[in-house]
Protein backbone atom coordinates (compact mmCIF):
# COMPACT_ATOMS: atom_id res chain seq x y z
CA MET A 1 36.51 29.13 57.44
CA LYS A 2 34.49 26.31 55.98
CA SER A 3 30.84 25.76 56.93
CA ARG A 4 30.18 22.65 58.97
CA ASN A 5 28.48 19.75 57.21
CA PHE A 6 25.64 17.66 58.58
CA HIS A 7 25.17 14.26 56.93
CA GLY A 8 26.93 15.63 53.89
CA LEU A 9 24.68 18.70 53.51
CA ASN A 10 25.98 22.20 53.93
CA LEU A 11 24.27 23.95 56.88
CA THR A 12 24.08 27.20 54.92
CA LEU A 13 22.14 25.42 52.17
CA ILE A 14 19.78 23.86 54.74
CA ALA A 15 19.03 27.26 56.26
CA THR A 16 18.34 28.69 52.80
CA LEU A 17 15.91 25.88 51.97
CA ILE A 18 14.07 26.33 55.28
CA LEU A 19 13.66 30.05 54.65
CA PHE A 20 12.41 29.39 51.11
CA GLY A 21 9.91 26.81 52.34
CA ALA A 22 8.54 29.16 54.97
CA THR A 23 8.02 31.88 52.37
CA VAL A 24 6.10 29.52 50.08
CA ALA A 25 3.96 28.23 52.95
CA GLU A 26 2.93 31.76 53.91
CA GLY A 27 1.70 32.44 50.38
CA ILE A 28 2.02 35.58 48.34
CA GLU A 29 1.62 38.78 50.33
CA PRO A 30 -0.89 41.15 48.66
CA SER A 31 0.98 44.10 47.18
CA ASN A 32 -2.01 46.36 46.44
CA LYS A 33 -5.66 46.86 47.34
CA ALA A 34 -6.92 44.76 44.43
CA GLU A 35 -4.89 41.73 45.53
CA LYS A 36 -5.97 42.26 49.13
CA ARG A 37 -9.60 42.28 48.01
CA VAL A 38 -9.18 38.84 46.41
CA VAL A 39 -7.80 37.48 49.68
CA GLU A 40 -10.66 39.06 51.65
CA ALA A 41 -13.22 37.57 49.25
CA ALA A 42 -11.74 34.10 49.72
CA ARG A 43 -11.85 34.57 53.50
CA VAL A 44 -15.53 35.56 53.37
CA VAL A 45 -16.42 32.45 51.34
CA ASP A 46 -14.40 30.20 53.65
CA GLU A 47 -16.01 31.58 56.81
CA ILE A 48 -19.54 31.40 55.42
CA MET A 49 -19.20 27.87 54.04
CA ALA A 50 -17.58 26.59 57.25
CA ALA A 51 -21.03 26.70 58.90
CA PRO A 52 -23.18 24.42 56.67
CA ASP A 53 -26.32 24.82 58.82
CA LYS A 54 -26.16 28.61 58.59
CA GLY A 55 -24.36 29.35 55.33
CA ILE A 56 -24.90 28.95 51.60
CA PRO A 57 -26.09 25.42 50.72
CA GLU A 58 -23.25 23.58 48.99
CA GLU A 59 -25.70 22.31 46.38
CA LEU A 60 -26.36 25.88 45.25
CA LEU A 61 -22.68 26.82 45.18
CA SER A 62 -21.90 23.65 43.25
CA ASN A 63 -24.46 24.61 40.60
CA ALA A 64 -23.55 28.29 40.37
CA HIS A 65 -22.16 29.50 37.03
CA CYS A 66 -20.45 32.54 38.58
CA VAL A 67 -19.80 33.96 42.05
CA ALA A 68 -19.29 37.57 43.12
CA VAL A 69 -18.06 38.51 46.58
CA ILE A 70 -18.19 42.07 47.93
CA PRO A 71 -16.39 42.21 51.31
CA SER A 72 -17.49 45.02 53.63
CA MET A 73 -20.07 46.75 51.43
CA LYS A 74 -20.95 50.09 52.99
CA GLN A 75 -24.59 50.93 53.58
CA ALA A 76 -25.89 54.07 55.22
CA GLY A 77 -28.83 56.41 55.14
CA PHE A 78 -31.73 58.19 56.76
CA VAL A 79 -35.00 57.24 54.99
CA PHE A 80 -33.06 57.11 51.73
CA GLY A 81 -30.17 54.70 51.79
CA GLY A 82 -27.09 54.09 49.71
CA ARG A 83 -24.82 51.12 49.04
CA TYR A 84 -21.26 50.99 47.76
CA GLY A 85 -18.70 48.23 47.75
CA LYS A 86 -15.77 46.78 45.83
CA GLY A 87 -15.20 43.09 45.33
CA VAL A 88 -14.32 40.39 42.83
CA MET A 89 -16.14 38.00 40.54
CA THR A 90 -15.21 34.68 38.97
CA CYS A 91 -17.00 32.18 36.70
CA ARG A 92 -16.70 28.50 35.90
CA HIS A 93 -13.82 27.99 33.51
CA PRO A 94 -15.21 26.81 30.16
CA GLN A 95 -12.23 24.51 29.59
CA GLY A 96 -11.96 22.81 32.96
CA ALA A 97 -13.37 22.07 36.38
CA GLY A 98 -11.94 25.17 38.02
CA TRP A 99 -12.73 28.88 37.99
CA THR A 100 -11.57 31.78 35.87
CA GLY A 101 -9.33 34.47 37.23
CA PRO A 102 -11.07 37.12 39.34
CA SER A 103 -12.37 40.31 37.82
CA THR A 104 -12.70 43.27 40.16
CA VAL A 105 -16.17 44.83 40.36
CA ARG A 106 -18.10 47.63 42.06
CA LEU A 107 -21.57 47.23 43.55
CA GLU A 108 -23.50 50.48 43.76
CA GLY A 109 -27.13 51.33 44.33
CA GLY A 110 -29.76 53.16 46.30
CA SER A 111 -32.55 51.76 48.40
CA PHE A 112 -35.74 53.15 49.89
CA GLY A 113 -37.02 52.47 53.34
CA LEU A 114 -36.85 53.51 56.96
CA GLN A 115 -33.10 53.41 57.52
CA ILE A 116 -31.06 55.13 60.20
CA GLY A 117 -27.33 54.73 60.74
CA GLY A 118 -24.83 52.71 58.77
CA SER A 119 -23.46 49.23 58.47
CA SER A 120 -20.73 47.19 56.79
CA THR A 121 -21.94 44.04 55.09
CA ASP A 122 -20.29 41.14 53.25
CA VAL A 123 -22.27 40.34 50.09
CA VAL A 124 -22.16 37.13 48.04
CA LEU A 125 -23.96 36.74 44.70
CA LEU A 126 -24.50 33.37 43.02
CA VAL A 127 -25.28 33.47 39.31
CA MET A 128 -27.38 30.38 38.70
CA ASN A 129 -27.80 30.09 34.93
CA GLU A 130 -26.13 30.85 31.63
CA ARG A 131 -28.33 33.86 30.81
CA GLY A 132 -27.36 35.40 34.11
CA SER A 133 -23.67 34.82 33.45
CA GLU A 134 -24.01 36.42 30.01
CA LYS A 135 -25.31 39.57 31.69
CA LEU A 136 -22.14 39.72 33.76
CA MET A 137 -20.09 40.23 30.61
CA GLN A 138 -21.69 43.64 30.09
CA SER A 139 -19.97 46.82 31.19
CA LYS A 140 -22.83 47.44 33.62
CA PHE A 141 -26.04 45.76 34.62
CA THR A 142 -28.78 46.39 37.14
CA LEU A 143 -29.88 43.69 39.54
CA GLY A 144 -33.59 43.03 39.26
CA ALA A 145 -33.89 44.79 35.89
CA ASP A 146 -31.24 43.22 33.66
CA ALA A 147 -31.12 40.04 35.75
CA SER A 148 -33.68 38.79 38.26
CA VAL A 149 -32.34 38.57 41.81
CA ALA A 150 -33.77 36.87 44.91
CA ALA A 151 -32.72 36.38 48.51
CA GLY A 152 -30.95 33.04 48.61
CA PRO A 153 -32.01 30.24 50.97
CA VAL A 154 -29.73 29.68 53.97
CA GLY A 155 -28.60 26.45 55.61
CA ARG A 156 -29.34 22.94 54.47
CA MET A 157 -31.69 23.64 51.60
CA ALA A 158 -35.29 22.50 52.10
CA GLN A 159 -37.21 21.18 49.09
CA ALA A 160 -39.67 24.08 49.31
CA GLU A 161 -36.87 26.56 48.76
CA THR A 162 -35.76 25.21 45.39
CA ASP A 163 -38.14 27.62 43.62
CA ALA A 164 -35.54 30.35 44.17
CA LEU A 165 -33.03 28.27 42.23
CA MET A 166 -35.48 27.63 39.39
CA HIS A 167 -36.64 31.22 38.80
CA ALA A 168 -33.93 33.69 39.84
CA LYS A 169 -30.86 34.29 37.72
CA ILE A 170 -28.98 35.56 40.78
CA LEU A 171 -29.23 34.58 44.45
CA ALA A 172 -28.00 37.19 46.94
CA TYR A 173 -26.64 36.74 50.47
CA SER A 174 -25.39 39.09 53.16
CA ARG A 175 -23.48 38.84 56.43
CA SER A 176 -23.48 41.65 58.96
CA ARG A 177 -22.34 41.45 62.59
CA GLY A 178 -22.12 37.68 62.32
CA ILE A 179 -25.70 37.27 61.06
CA PHE A 180 -25.97 35.57 57.68
CA ALA A 181 -29.14 35.76 55.58
CA GLY A 182 -30.62 36.17 52.12
CA LEU A 183 -30.52 39.69 50.72
CA THR A 184 -32.69 41.76 48.37
CA LEU A 185 -30.56 43.90 46.06
CA SER A 186 -32.99 45.04 43.36
CA GLY A 187 -31.90 48.30 41.79
CA ALA A 188 -28.20 47.98 42.64
CA THR A 189 -25.76 48.08 39.75
CA LEU A 190 -22.72 45.86 39.23
CA ARG A 191 -19.91 47.02 36.97
CA PRO A 192 -16.26 46.13 36.37
CA ASP A 193 -13.48 48.17 37.97
CA ASN A 194 -10.93 48.50 35.17
CA ASP A 195 -8.35 50.34 37.29
CA ASP A 196 -8.28 47.58 39.90
CA ASN A 197 -8.07 44.93 37.18
CA TRP A 198 -4.97 46.73 35.88
CA ASP A 199 -3.45 46.53 39.37
CA LEU A 200 -4.36 42.85 39.67
CA TYR A 201 -3.12 41.72 36.25
CA GLY A 202 -0.38 44.28 35.62
CA ARG A 203 -1.89 45.30 32.27
CA ARG A 204 -5.16 46.31 30.68
CA VAL A 205 -7.53 43.34 30.49
CA GLU A 206 -11.20 43.20 29.60
CA HIS A 207 -13.80 42.18 32.18
CA ALA A 208 -15.52 39.79 29.74
CA ALA A 209 -12.22 38.20 28.66
CA ILE A 210 -11.37 37.39 32.29
CA LEU A 211 -14.75 35.79 33.03
CA GLN A 212 -14.66 33.82 29.77
CA GLY A 213 -11.36 32.24 30.82
CA ASN A 214 -9.29 33.98 28.14
CA VAL A 215 -6.88 35.59 30.62
CA ALA A 216 -4.44 33.57 32.71
CA THR A 217 -5.07 33.80 36.45
CA PRO A 218 -2.31 35.70 38.27
CA ALA A 219 -0.72 33.97 41.26
CA SER A 220 -2.36 36.52 43.57
CA GLY A 221 -5.79 35.59 42.20
CA GLU A 222 -5.65 31.82 42.65
CA VAL A 223 -6.75 31.84 46.28
CA LEU A 224 -10.41 32.56 45.47
CA GLY A 225 -10.73 29.73 42.94
CA ALA A 226 -9.02 27.33 45.34
CA THR A 227 -11.44 28.29 48.12
CA LEU A 228 -14.50 27.85 45.89
CA ASN A 229 -13.23 24.44 44.79
CA LYS A 230 -13.14 23.34 48.44
CA TYR A 231 -16.91 23.69 48.69
CA SER A 232 -18.01 23.21 45.08
CA THR A 233 -17.13 19.83 43.66
CA ARG A 234 -19.59 19.57 40.81
CA GLU A 235 -19.69 21.29 37.44
CA ALA A 236 -22.50 23.71 36.72
């Protein structure tokens, strides 16, 4: 039995095209934890930047050389505290206006202070100059020691707050229970996660090569760059 035609088009073909279009519109479903982390990082950036009076000033994001996002960093302790989180990092692409593919990273570090209980915090790091971005290419570096870090200003940036931009290599932000603020992360270490990069790229790739734009961005990694481009229209 022949399929019915509608204005000369086969209905079976129409149904196939509709299904294909719906699949494309939904995007690529993350197939592993590394891909899911990229999607979560893009969501964090989108939610933070959607509130310009309470989020990261667009001027700072537009001038950042690199951005690291650690969704749901775990922090817990009693007097002595600990931090641990996995996330992704991307830098300005040296050959264009976009961003490099994401490299998966781990943020680890202790803290000292009167702390009781635990929390889950989204962390965003803006790397504001070339020397800071060069530090990111290392296999490991310590915030505050290898690269100066300061709590980033929040909301529409006041003139008095531009000193943070001038002196700190890295500006740090946190969001916990809906509250967004600058964050002090001195002593924490940031290092690449080679196993997760394998999962994300399907082969062994070097952390520095990714951030230098020498590795093609996988389809699953494009969402973070696209989100950053929404709120960052100027070159660093």
